[in-house]
Amino acid sequence: MRAFHRSVVFFAGLALVAGTALAQPKKGPAPKPAPAEAEPEIEMDPAEPAPPPGDEIDMGAEPPPGDLNADMAAADASANAVKAGEVKRTPLSWQDILVVVRKPFLKARRTELLPMFGTTMNDNMVRHYSLGGMLNYYLTDVLAIGVEGQYYQPSFREPFDLVARQARRLPTINTYKWSAALNFHYVPVYGKFAVFDKKLITWEVFFTAGIGAGQSEVEERDKKFPGFTNLLIMPNVGASMRFFLAKWLTVNVGIRDYIFYDKFEPTDRSPTMNATSDQAKSNADGALINNVMFQVGISFWLPTSFEYTTFR
């Protein structure tokens, strides 16, 4: 009876182990490891005998050092070689490219003779026209010293008569007679421009500063009282532009401001007060004047030609 009981227990345990084994999932075969890449080998010519062990492979002898002078001579010869063949014309688009030429006009150690005409710009009562000239000597191509002289001709404008009719009195004005100055010129700007893509015009801008003298004269309100003149100290500043037409000819336009202190006729002249010119001048009223003028002239240069002393 005990033997039967032990047999039952044995077979029951065996069945439990078998059921557990069948319930587990089946595992596939383990992946094989990838073979390692083989290192590249140097392919040897089978005709050549194998080198003995321990000897290095002969890669060939190093080339001899080159000759630098010979290499440069060969390069120059190949660059200067002219190929024979048909000459091709330059495309039309290249005609629009202009080469910047060197300065076509030199002023150093040359004399400029400049006749000029001018007119006042900021006086609404009387307009002055001037006729004069300048003589300049250029120490360098950008720096010059010179003298100038002008003679003025007055012309009364319409407001002068309108004030006289409306206010029943004549305005207080002075007219200018002449002026002279010592000037210095400096040229900081130089350039070129094209006219219709055909002609290059050279131009420059120069500044002027100087000191001079001039004379003004009082316009009497009542002609029975004498007038008087004033000697003026006249510094001036201005800017001008010059256009080069030939080696000996240029055209100038500019604006100049002549600054001075002027004296005007007293308003209370009578037979017993300020009757003489000396009395009127001693009691005259003064004012600081800016006589702005527009000037245009033609310059003639001596000598008429020049030579370059430096390379392009």
C-alpha atoms as a PDB file:
ATOM      1  CA  MET A   1       0.000   0.000   0.000  1.00  0.00           C
ATOM      2  CA  ARG A   2       2.881   2.339   0.766  1.00  0.00           C
ATOM      3  CA  ALA A   3       4.531   1.374  -2.489  1.00  0.00           C
ATOM      4  CA  PHE A   4       1.389   2.376  -4.399  1.00  0.00           C
ATOM      5  CA  HIS A   5       1.199   5.705  -2.626  1.00  0.00           C
ATOM      6  CA  ARG A   6       4.826   6.547  -3.447  1.00  0.00           C
ATOM      7  CA  SER A   7       4.250   5.656  -7.101  1.00  0.00           C
ATOM      8  CA  VAL A   8       1.312   8.045  -7.318  1.00  0.00           C
ATOM      9  CA  VAL A   9       3.349  10.888  -5.820  1.00  0.00           C
ATOM     10  CA  PHE A  10       6.243  10.253  -8.180  1.00  0.00           C
ATOM     11  CA  PHE A  11       4.077  10.307 -11.317  1.00  0.00           C
ATOM     12  CA  ALA A  12       2.235  13.457 -10.158  1.00  0.00           C
ATOM     13  CA  GLY A  13       5.507  15.336  -9.680  1.00  0.00           C
ATOM     14  CA  LEU A  14       6.749  14.187 -13.050  1.00  0.00           C
ATOM     15  CA  ALA A  15       3.549  15.486 -14.702  1.00  0.00           C
ATOM     16  CA  LEU A  16       3.933  18.872 -12.969  1.00  0.00           C
ATOM     17  CA  VAL A  17       7.501  19.324 -14.225  1.00  0.00           C
ATOM     18  CA  ALA A  18       6.488  18.395 -17.748  1.00  0.00           C
ATOM     19  CA  GLY A  19       3.589  20.907 -17.760  1.00  0.00           C
ATOM     20  CA  THR A  20       5.815  23.723 -16.556  1.00  0.00           C
ATOM     21  CA  ALA A  21       8.334  22.998 -19.307  1.00  0.00           C
ATOM     22  CA  LEU A  22       5.655  23.079 -22.002  1.00  0.00           C
ATOM     23  CA  ALA A  23       4.209  26.442 -20.767  1.00  0.00           C
ATOM     24  CA  GLN A  24       7.529  28.351 -21.224  1.00  0.00           C
ATOM     25  CA  PRO A  25       8.048  30.066 -24.689  1.00  0.00           C
ATOM     26  CA  LYS A  26      10.539  28.502 -26.953  1.00  0.00           C
ATOM     27  CA  LYS A  27      13.782  30.470 -27.439  1.00  0.00           C
ATOM     28  CA  GLY A  28      15.248  30.841 -30.926  1.00  0.00           C
ATOM     29  CA  PRO A  29      18.830  30.138 -31.723  1.00  0.00           C
ATOM     30  CA  ALA A  30      21.308  32.745 -30.441  1.00  0.00           C
ATOM     31  CA  PRO A  31      22.544  35.192 -33.150  1.00  0.00           C
ATOM     32  CA  LYS A  32      25.951  34.519 -34.378  1.00  0.00           C
ATOM     33  CA  PRO A  33      28.519  37.312 -33.762  1.00  0.00           C
ATOM     34  CA  ALA A  34      29.399  39.348 -36.845  1.00  0.00           C
ATOM     35  CA  PRO A  35      32.758  38.499 -38.141  1.00  0.00           C
ATOM     36  CA  ALA A  36      35.364  41.215 -37.631  1.00  0.00           C
ATOM     37  CA  GLU A  37      36.362  43.156 -40.738  1.00  0.00           C
ATOM     38  CA  ALA A  38      39.517  41.930 -42.100  1.00  0.00           C
ATOM     39  CA  GLU A  39      42.295  44.469 -42.346  1.00  0.00           C
ATOM     40  CA  PRO A  40      43.189  45.438 -45.925  1.00  0.00           C
ATOM     41  CA  GLU A  41      46.197  43.690 -47.092  1.00  0.00           C
ATOM     42  CA  ILE A  42      48.779  45.007 -49.494  1.00  0.00           C
ATOM     43  CA  GLU A  43      48.384  43.226 -52.758  1.00  0.00           C
ATOM     44  CA  MET A  44      51.718  41.882 -53.839  1.00  0.00           C
ATOM     45  CA  ASP A  45      52.734  40.965 -57.345  1.00  0.00           C
ATOM     46  CA  PRO A  46      52.879  37.173 -57.416  1.00  0.00           C
ATOM     47  CA  ALA A  47      55.843  37.389 -59.806  1.00  0.00           C
ATOM     48  CA  GLU A  48      57.946  39.212 -57.256  1.00  0.00           C
ATOM     49  CA  PRO A  49      59.659  37.099 -54.631  1.00  0.00           C
ATOM     50  CA  ALA A  50      58.417  37.593 -51.087  1.00  0.00           C
ATOM     51  CA  PRO A  51      60.665  39.809 -48.983  1.00  0.00           C
ATOM     52  CA  PRO A  52      62.634  38.080 -46.317  1.00  0.00           C
ATOM     53  CA  PRO A  53      61.201  38.378 -42.818  1.00  0.00           C
ATOM     54  CA  GLY A  54      62.143  41.566 -40.974  1.00  0.00           C
ATOM     55  CA  ASP A  55      62.876  43.643 -44.136  1.00  0.00           C
ATOM     56  CA  GLU A  56      60.795  46.803 -45.011  1.00  0.00           C
ATOM     57  CA  ILE A  57      59.031  47.239 -48.323  1.00  0.00           C
ATOM     58  CA  ASP A  58      60.976  49.544 -50.692  1.00  0.00           C
ATOM     59  CA  MET A  59      58.577  52.351 -51.806  1.00  0.00           C
ATOM     60  CA  GLY A  60      61.052  53.799 -54.308  1.00  0.00           C
ATOM     61  CA  ALA A  61      63.731  56.453 -54.060  1.00  0.00           C
ATOM     62  CA  GLU A  62      62.764  60.095 -53.269  1.00  0.00           C
ATOM     63  CA  PRO A  63      62.844  62.498 -56.271  1.00  0.00           C
ATOM     64  CA  PRO A  64      65.811  64.875 -56.456  1.00  0.00           C
ATOM     65  CA  PRO A  65      65.207  68.466 -55.198  1.00  0.00           C
ATOM     66  CA  GLY A  66      63.899  70.845 -57.876  1.00  0.00           C
ATOM     67  CA  ASP A  67      65.612  73.973 -59.254  1.00  0.00           C
ATOM     68  CA  LEU A  68      63.580  77.124 -58.277  1.00  0.00           C
ATOM     69  CA  ASN A  69      65.157  79.346 -60.955  1.00  0.00           C
ATOM     70  CA  ALA A  70      64.454  76.764 -63.652  1.00  0.00           C
ATOM     71  CA  ASP A  71      60.832  76.392 -62.522  1.00  0.00           C
ATOM     72  CA  MET A  72      60.287  80.182 -62.562  1.00  0.00           C
ATOM     73  CA  ALA A  73      61.863  80.515 -66.002  1.00  0.00           C
ATOM     74  CA  ALA A  74      59.614  77.762 -67.327  1.00  0.00           C
ATOM     75  CA  ALA A  75      56.530  79.456 -65.844  1.00  0.00           C
ATOM     76  CA  ASP A  76      57.451  82.807 -67.433  1.00  0.00           C
ATOM     77  CA  ALA A  77      58.049  81.151 -70.782  1.00  0.00           C
ATOM     78  CA  SER A  78      54.637  79.467 -70.692  1.00  0.00           C
ATOM     79  CA  ALA A  79      52.916  82.724 -69.648  1.00  0.00           C
ATOM     80  CA  ASN A  80      54.548  84.753 -72.434  1.00  0.00           C
ATOM     81  CA  ALA A  81      53.838  82.173 -75.079  1.00  0.00           C
ATOM     82  CA  VAL A  82      51.625  83.591 -77.827  1.00  0.00           C
ATOM     83  CA  LYS A  83      49.189  81.237 -79.425  1.00  0.00           C
ATOM     84  CA  ALA A  84      48.869  81.570 -83.141  1.00  0.00           C
ATOM     85  CA  GLY A  85      45.364  81.813 -84.439  1.00  0.00           C
ATOM     86  CA  GLU A  86      42.539  84.139 -85.350  1.00  0.00           C
ATOM     87  CA  VAL A  87      42.320  87.347 -83.331  1.00  0.00           C
ATOM     88  CA  LYS A  88      38.933  87.754 -81.646  1.00  0.00           C
ATOM     89  CA  ARG A  89      37.344  91.175 -81.255  1.00  0.00           C
ATOM     90  CA  THR A  90      36.477  92.452 -77.801  1.00  0.00           C
ATOM     91  CA  PRO A  91      32.740  92.184 -76.998  1.00  0.00           C
ATOM     92  CA  LEU A  92      30.757  95.413 -77.145  1.00  0.00           C
ATOM     93  CA  SER A  93      30.074  95.295 -73.401  1.00  0.00           C
ATOM     94  CA  TRP A  94      33.737  96.097 -72.706  1.00  0.00           C
ATOM     95  CA  GLN A  95      33.330  99.509 -74.314  1.00  0.00           C
ATOM     96  CA  ASP A  96      31.487 100.700 -71.199  1.00  0.00           C
ATOM     97  CA  ILE A  97      34.564 100.150 -68.995  1.00  0.00           C
ATOM     98  CA  LEU A  98      36.756 103.259 -68.765  1.00  0.00           C
ATOM     99  CA  VAL A  99      40.258 103.250 -67.341  1.00  0.00           C
ATOM    100  CA  VAL A 100      40.861 105.935 -64.697  1.00  0.00           C
ATOM    101  CA  VAL A 101      43.614 108.091 -66.143  1.00  0.00           C
ATOM    102  CA  ARG A 102      46.064 110.156 -64.165  1.00  0.00           C
ATOM    103  CA  LYS A 103      45.391 113.783 -63.364  1.00  0.00           C
ATOM    104  CA  PRO A 104      45.303 115.607 -66.723  1.00  0.00           C
ATOM    105  CA  PHE A 105      46.017 119.100 -65.330  1.00  0.00           C
ATOM    106  CA  LEU A 106      48.854 120.256 -63.071  1.00  0.00           C
ATOM    107  CA  LYS A 107      48.961 123.679 -61.378  1.00  0.00           C
ATOM    108  CA  ALA A 108      52.176 123.578 -59.344  1.00  0.00           C
ATOM    109  CA  ARG A 109      54.527 126.499 -60.095  1.00  0.00           C
ATOM    110  CA  ARG A 110      52.089 127.992 -62.603  1.00  0.00           C
ATOM    111  CA  THR A 111      50.431 131.414 -62.674  1.00  0.00           C
ATOM    112  CA  GLU A 112      46.686 131.882 -63.065  1.00  0.00           C
ATOM    113  CA  LEU A 113      45.317 135.051 -64.688  1.00  0.00           C
ATOM    114  CA  LEU A 114      41.581 135.212 -63.939  1.00  0.00           C
ATOM    115  CA  PRO A 115      39.336 137.972 -65.336  1.00  0.00           C
ATOM    116  CA  MET A 116      35.974 137.745 -63.562  1.00  0.00           C
ATOM    117  CA  PHE A 117      32.500 139.205 -63.371  1.00  0.00           C
ATOM    118  CA  GLY A 118      30.370 139.306 -60.202  1.00  0.00           C
ATOM    119  CA  THR A 119      27.050 140.409 -58.798  1.00  0.00           C
ATOM    120  CA  THR A 120      25.663 140.847 -55.280  1.00  0.00           C
ATOM    121  CA  MET A 121      23.093 138.322 -54.038  1.00  0.00           C
ATOM    122  CA  ASN A 122      21.689 139.557 -50.697  1.00  0.00           C
ATOM    123  CA  ASP A 123      20.889 143.271 -51.110  1.00  0.00           C
ATOM    124  CA  ASN A 124      17.279 144.001 -52.048  1.00  0.00           C
ATOM    125  CA  MET A 125      17.741 147.773 -52.360  1.00  0.00           C
ATOM    126  CA  VAL A 126      20.747 148.128 -54.624  1.00  0.00           C
ATOM    127  CA  ARG A 127      22.509 145.539 -56.732  1.00  0.00           C
ATOM    128  CA  HIS A 128      26.208 145.868 -57.433  1.00  0.00           C
ATOM    129  CA  TYR A 129      27.892 144.495 -60.528  1.00  0.00           C
ATOM    130  CA  SER A 130      31.630 144.039 -60.344  1.00  0.00           C
ATOM    131  CA  LEU A 131      34.331 143.719 -62.951  1.00  0.00           C
ATOM    132  CA  GLY A 132      37.767 142.651 -61.837  1.00  0.00           C
ATOM    133  CA  GLY A 133      40.396 139.986 -61.847  1.00  0.00           C
ATOM    134  CA  MET A 134      42.737 137.807 -59.828  1.00  0.00           C
ATOM    135  CA  LEU A 135      46.392 136.893 -60.215  1.00  0.00           C
ATOM    136  CA  ASN A 136      47.329 133.670 -58.400  1.00  0.00           C
ATOM    137  CA  TYR A 137      50.536 131.675 -58.142  1.00  0.00           C
ATOM    138  CA  TYR A 138      50.312 127.999 -57.170  1.00  0.00           C
ATOM    139  CA  LEU A 139      53.077 126.960 -54.787  1.00  0.00           C
ATOM    140  CA  THR A 140      51.913 123.334 -55.006  1.00  0.00           C
ATOM    141  CA  ASP A 141      49.101 121.627 -56.866  1.00  0.00           C
ATOM    142  CA  VAL A 142      46.674 122.403 -54.024  1.00  0.00           C
ATOM    143  CA  LEU A 143      47.948 125.643 -52.430  1.00  0.00           C
ATOM    144  CA  ALA A 144      48.105 129.117 -53.987  1.00  0.00           C
ATOM    145  CA  ILE A 145      48.574 132.757 -53.030  1.00  0.00           C
ATOM    146  CA  GLY A 146      47.228 135.672 -55.035  1.00  0.00           C
ATOM    147  CA  VAL A 147      45.810 139.185 -55.254  1.00  0.00           C
ATOM    148  CA  GLU A 148      42.509 140.476 -56.587  1.00  0.00           C
ATOM    149  CA  GLY A 149      40.890 143.779 -57.481  1.00  0.00           C
ATOM    150  CA  GLN A 150      37.292 144.750 -58.321  1.00  0.00           C
ATOM    151  CA  TYR A 151      35.436 147.832 -59.492  1.00  0.00           C
ATOM    152  CA  TYR A 152      31.707 148.076 -58.601  1.00  0.00           C
ATOM    153  CA  GLN A 153      28.813 149.586 -60.510  1.00  0.00           C
ATOM    154  CA  PRO A 154      25.541 150.059 -58.488  1.00  0.00           C
ATOM    155  CA  SER A 155      22.045 149.546 -59.841  1.00  0.00           C
ATOM    156  CA  PHE A 156      19.030 150.601 -57.739  1.00  0.00           C
ATOM    157  CA  ARG A 157      16.264 148.020 -57.555  1.00  0.00           C
ATOM    158  CA  GLU A 158      12.481 148.446 -57.405  1.00  0.00           C
ATOM    159  CA  PRO A 159      12.166 148.284 -53.573  1.00  0.00           C
ATOM    160  CA  PHE A 160      14.316 151.425 -53.347  1.00  0.00           C
ATOM    161  CA  ASP A 161      11.632 153.484 -55.119  1.00  0.00           C
ATOM    162  CA  LEU A 162       8.725 151.725 -53.377  1.00  0.00           C
ATOM    163  CA  VAL A 163      10.053 152.591 -49.917  1.00  0.00           C
ATOM    164  CA  ALA A 164      10.541 156.222 -50.966  1.00  0.00           C
ATOM    165  CA  ARG A 165       6.956 156.533 -52.206  1.00  0.00           C
ATOM    166  CA  GLN A 166       5.248 154.704 -49.372  1.00  0.00           C
ATOM    167  CA  ALA A 167       7.271 156.030 -46.425  1.00  0.00           C
ATOM    168  CA  ARG A 168       7.852 159.521 -47.893  1.00  0.00           C
ATOM    169  CA  ARG A 169      11.556 159.216 -47.256  1.00  0.00           C
ATOM    170  CA  LEU A 170      14.587 157.744 -48.977  1.00  0.00           C
ATOM    171  CA  PRO A 171      16.215 154.572 -47.582  1.00  0.00           C
ATOM    172  CA  THR A 172      19.626 154.741 -45.976  1.00  0.00           C
ATOM    173  CA  ILE A 173      22.037 152.969 -48.315  1.00  0.00           C
ATOM    174  CA  ASN A 174      25.691 152.978 -49.311  1.00  0.00           C
ATOM    175  CA  THR A 175      27.211 152.061 -52.641  1.00  0.00           C
ATOM    176  CA  TYR A 176      30.574 150.323 -53.146  1.00  0.00           C
ATOM    177  CA  LYS A 177      33.335 151.742 -55.305  1.00  0.00           C
ATOM    178  CA  TRP A 178      36.285 149.336 -55.331  1.00  0.00           C
ATOM    179  CA  SER A 179      37.955 146.559 -53.347  1.00  0.00           C
ATOM    180  CA  ALA A 180      41.297 144.753 -53.283  1.00  0.00           C
ATOM    181  CA  ALA A 181      42.503 141.713 -51.329  1.00  0.00           C
ATOM    182  CA  LEU A 182      45.349 139.318 -50.661  1.00  0.00           C
ATOM    183  CA  ASN A 183      43.983 135.771 -50.885  1.00  0.00           C
ATOM    184  CA  PHE A 184      45.000 132.207 -50.137  1.00  0.00           C
ATOM    185  CA  HIS A 185      43.486 129.264 -52.020  1.00  0.00           C
ATOM    186  CA  TYR A 186      43.324 125.593 -51.024  1.00  0.00           C
ATOM    187  CA  VAL A 187      42.090 122.725 -53.241  1.00  0.00           C
ATOM    188  CA  PRO A 188      40.763 119.737 -51.186  1.00  0.00           C
ATOM    189  CA  VAL A 189      38.412 118.140 -53.761  1.00  0.00           C
ATOM    190  CA  TYR A 190      39.214 116.856 -57.243  1.00  0.00           C
ATOM    191  CA  GLY A 191      37.199 114.640 -59.580  1.00  0.00           C
ATOM    192  CA  LYS A 192      35.881 113.761 -63.039  1.00  0.00           C
ATOM    193  CA  PHE A 193      32.491 113.249 -64.664  1.00  0.00           C
ATOM    194  CA  ALA A 194      31.392 111.989 -68.067  1.00  0.00           C
ATOM    195  CA  VAL A 195      29.206 113.880 -70.542  1.00  0.00           C
ATOM    196  CA  PHE A 196      26.946 111.459 -72.497  1.00  0.00           C
ATOM    197  CA  ASP A 197      29.566 108.710 -71.904  1.00  0.00           C
ATOM    198  CA  LYS A 198      31.725 110.431 -74.516  1.00  0.00           C
ATOM    199  CA  LYS A 199      33.787 113.162 -72.865  1.00  0.00           C
ATOM    200  CA  LEU A 200      35.473 113.252 -69.464  1.00  0.00           C
ATOM    201  CA  ILE A 201      35.453 116.642 -67.736  1.00  0.00           C
ATOM    202  CA  THR A 202      37.880 117.265 -64.883  1.00  0.00           C
ATOM    203  CA  TRP A 203      36.804 119.572 -62.084  1.00  0.00           C
ATOM    204  CA  GLU A 204      37.882 120.650 -58.610  1.00  0.00           C
ATOM    205  CA  VAL A 205      36.605 122.614 -55.626  1.00  0.00           C
ATOM    206  CA  PHE A 206      38.804 125.180 -53.895  1.00  0.00           C
ATOM    207  CA  PHE A 207      38.290 127.380 -50.840  1.00  0.00           C
ATOM    208  CA  THR A 208      39.450 130.999 -50.572  1.00  0.00           C
ATOM    209  CA  ALA A 209      40.227 133.162 -47.566  1.00  0.00           C
ATOM    210  CA  GLY A 210      41.774 136.604 -47.624  1.00  0.00           C
ATOM    211  CA  ILE A 211      42.086 140.085 -46.185  1.00  0.00           C
ATOM    212  CA  GLY A 212      41.672 143.330 -48.073  1.00  0.00           C
ATOM    213  CA  ALA A 213      40.334 146.855 -48.231  1.00  0.00           C
ATOM    214  CA  GLY A 214      37.571 148.698 -50.047  1.00  0.00           C
ATOM    215  CA  GLN A 215      35.578 151.896 -50.259  1.00  0.00           C
ATOM    216  CA  SER A 216      31.901 152.703 -49.830  1.00  0.00           C
ATOM    217  CA  GLU A 217      30.052 155.971 -50.420  1.00  0.00           C
ATOM    218  CA  VAL A 218      26.925 157.344 -48.735  1.00  0.00           C
ATOM    219  CA  GLU A 219      23.897 158.054 -50.927  1.00  0.00           C
ATOM    220  CA  GLU A 220      22.557 161.360 -49.586  1.00  0.00           C
ATOM    221  CA  ARG A 221      18.844 161.666 -48.953  1.00  0.00           C
ATOM    222  CA  ASP A 222      18.992 165.415 -49.516  1.00  0.00           C
ATOM    223  CA  LYS A 223      21.451 166.507 -52.186  1.00  0.00           C
ATOM    224  CA  LYS A 224      22.050 169.855 -50.506  1.00  0.00           C
ATOM    225  CA  PHE A 225      24.027 168.059 -47.788  1.00  0.00           C
ATOM    226  CA  PRO A 226      27.350 166.559 -48.810  1.00  0.00           C
ATOM    227  CA  GLY A 227      27.981 162.877 -48.499  1.00  0.00           C
ATOM    228  CA  PHE A 228      31.105 161.053 -47.369  1.00  0.00           C
ATOM    229  CA  THR A 229      33.095 157.904 -48.093  1.00  0.00           C
ATOM    230  CA  ASN A 230      34.300 155.070 -45.863  1.00  0.00           C
ATOM    231  CA  LEU A 231      37.525 153.116 -46.055  1.00  0.00           C
ATOM    232  CA  LEU A 232      36.673 149.508 -45.244  1.00  0.00           C
ATOM    233  CA  ILE A 233      38.671 146.577 -43.924  1.00  0.00           C
ATOM    234  CA  MET A 234      37.250 143.604 -45.830  1.00  0.00           C
ATOM    235  CA  PRO A 235      38.147 140.005 -44.961  1.00  0.00           C
ATOM    236  CA  ASN A 236      36.551 137.477 -47.294  1.00  0.00           C
ATOM    237  CA  VAL A 237      35.812 133.741 -47.424  1.00  0.00           C
ATOM    238  CA  GLY A 238      34.325 131.661 -50.198  1.00  0.00           C
ATOM    239  CA  ALA A 239      34.197 128.459 -52.216  1.00  0.00           C
ATOM    240  CA  SER A 240      34.535 128.008 -55.971  1.00  0.00           C
ATOM    241  CA  MET A 241      34.492 125.276 -58.588  1.00  0.00           C
ATOM    242  CA  ARG A 242      36.865 125.013 -61.532  1.00  0.00           C
ATOM    243  CA  PHE A 243      36.323 123.104 -64.800  1.00  0.00           C
ATOM    244  CA  PHE A 244      39.338 122.213 -66.980  1.00  0.00           C
ATOM    245  CA  LEU A 245      38.832 122.726 -70.709  1.00  0.00           C
ATOM    246  CA  ALA A 246      42.450 122.679 -71.926  1.00  0.00           C
ATOM    247  CA  LYS A 247      45.989 122.660 -70.530  1.00  0.00           C
ATOM    248  CA  TRP A 248      45.923 126.476 -70.414  1.00  0.00           C
ATOM    249  CA  LEU A 249      42.197 127.286 -70.015  1.00  0.00           C
ATOM    250  CA  THR A 250      39.664 126.755 -67.188  1.00  0.00           C
ATOM    251  CA  VAL A 251      36.229 128.114 -66.226  1.00  0.00           C
ATOM    252  CA  ASN A 252      35.541 129.178 -62.618  1.00  0.00           C
ATOM    253  CA  VAL A 253      32.275 129.774 -60.740  1.00  0.00           C
ATOM    254  CA  GLY A 254      31.965 130.531 -57.049  1.00  0.00           C
ATOM    255  CA  ILE A 255      30.433 132.431 -54.136  1.00  0.00           C
ATOM    256  CA  ARG A 256      32.343 134.884 -51.956  1.00  0.00           C
ATOM    257  CA  ASP A 257      31.328 136.669 -48.750  1.00  0.00           C
ATOM    258  CA  TYR A 258      33.006 140.055 -48.134  1.00  0.00           C
ATOM    259  CA  ILE A 259      32.616 141.038 -44.472  1.00  0.00           C
ATOM    260  CA  PHE A 260      33.126 144.638 -43.291  1.00  0.00           C
ATOM    261  CA  TYR A 261      31.875 147.302 -40.892  1.00  0.00           C
ATOM    262  CA  ASP A 262      30.239 150.188 -42.754  1.00  0.00           C
ATOM    263  CA  LYS A 263      28.971 153.627 -41.640  1.00  0.00           C
ATOM    264  CA  PHE A 264      25.690 155.172 -42.859  1.00  0.00           C
ATOM    265  CA  GLU A 265      24.341 158.707 -43.117  1.00  0.00           C
ATOM    266  CA  PRO A 266      22.675 160.075 -39.922  1.00  0.00           C
ATOM    267  CA  THR A 267      18.923 160.530 -40.117  1.00  0.00           C
ATOM    268  CA  ASP A 268      18.924 163.975 -38.395  1.00  0.00           C
ATOM    269  CA  ARG A 269      20.797 166.199 -40.844  1.00  0.00           C
ATOM    270  CA  SER A 270      19.908 169.888 -40.917  1.00  0.00           C
ATOM    271  CA  PRO A 271      21.640 173.216 -41.541  1.00  0.00           C
ATOM    272  CA  THR A 272      22.552 173.339 -37.864  1.00  0.00           C
ATOM    273  CA  MET A 273      23.234 169.623 -37.243  1.00  0.00           C
ATOM    274  CA  ASN A 274      25.505 167.291 -39.206  1.00  0.00           C
ATOM    275  CA  ALA A 275      25.623 169.778 -42.019  1.00  0.00           C
ATOM    276  CA  THR A 276      29.181 168.984 -43.125  1.00  0.00           C
ATOM    277  CA  SER A 277      30.519 165.645 -44.246  1.00  0.00           C
ATOM    278  CA  ASP A 278      32.939 165.443 -41.293  1.00  0.00           C
ATOM    279  CA  GLN A 279      30.154 166.028 -38.777  1.00  0.00           C
ATOM    280  CA  ALA A 280      27.902 163.494 -40.481  1.00  0.00           C
ATOM    281  CA  LYS A 281      30.681 160.897 -40.586  1.00  0.00           C
ATOM    282  CA  SER A 282      31.558 161.354 -36.903  1.00  0.00           C
ATOM    283  CA  ASN A 283      27.892 160.873 -35.911  1.00  0.00           C
ATOM    284  CA  ALA A 284      27.171 158.103 -38.417  1.00  0.00           C
ATOM    285  CA  ASP A 285      25.530 154.837 -37.453  1.00  0.00           C
ATOM    286  CA  GLY A 286      27.526 151.672 -38.133  1.00  0.00           C
ATOM    287  CA  ALA A 287      26.557 148.094 -39.014  1.00  0.00           C
ATOM    288  CA  LEU A 288      28.269 144.827 -39.861  1.00  0.00           C
ATOM    289  CA  ILE A 289      27.693 143.966 -43.536  1.00  0.00           C
ATOM    290  CA  ASN A 290      27.930 140.651 -45.380  1.00  0.00           C
ATOM    291  CA  ASN A 291      28.237 141.377 -49.073  1.00  0.00           C
ATOM    292  CA  VAL A 292      27.676 137.969 -50.685  1.00  0.00           C
ATOM    293  CA  MET A 293      28.645 137.848 -54.355  1.00  0.00           C
ATOM    294  CA  PHE A 294      28.365 135.330 -57.165  1.00  0.00           C
ATOM    295  CA  GLN A 295      31.447 135.329 -59.400  1.00  0.00           C
ATOM    296  CA  VAL A 296      32.279 133.713 -62.723  1.00  0.00           C
ATOM    297  CA  GLY A 297      35.480 133.945 -64.721  1.00  0.00           C
ATOM    298  CA  ILE A 298      37.850 132.361 -67.234  1.00  0.00           C
ATOM    299  CA  SER A 299      41.393 131.461 -66.171  1.00  0.00           C
ATOM    300  CA  PHE A 300      44.449 131.589 -68.404  1.00  0.00           C
ATOM    301  CA  TRP A 301      47.444 129.579 -67.169  1.00  0.00           C
ATOM    302  CA  LEU A 302      51.119 130.380 -67.676  1.00  0.00           C
ATOM    303  CA  PRO A 303      53.130 128.539 -68.813  1.00  0.00           C
ATOM    304  CA  THR A 304      50.530 127.098 -71.150  1.00  0.00           C
ATOM    305  CA  SER A 305      51.760 123.494 -70.782  1.00  0.00           C
ATOM    306  CA  PHE A 306      53.275 121.275 -68.107  1.00  0.00           C
ATOM    307  CA  GLU A 307      55.282 118.059 -67.755  1.00  0.00           C
ATOM    308  CA  TYR A 308      54.955 115.179 -65.316  1.00  0.00           C
ATOM    309  CA  THR A 309      57.944 114.483 -63.106  1.00  0.00           C
ATOM    310  CA  THR A 310      56.657 111.197 -61.645  1.00  0.00           C
ATOM    311  CA  PHE A 311      55.647 107.865 -63.145  1.00  0.00           C
ATOM    312  CA  ARG A 312      52.062 106.861 -63.761  1.00  0.00           C
END
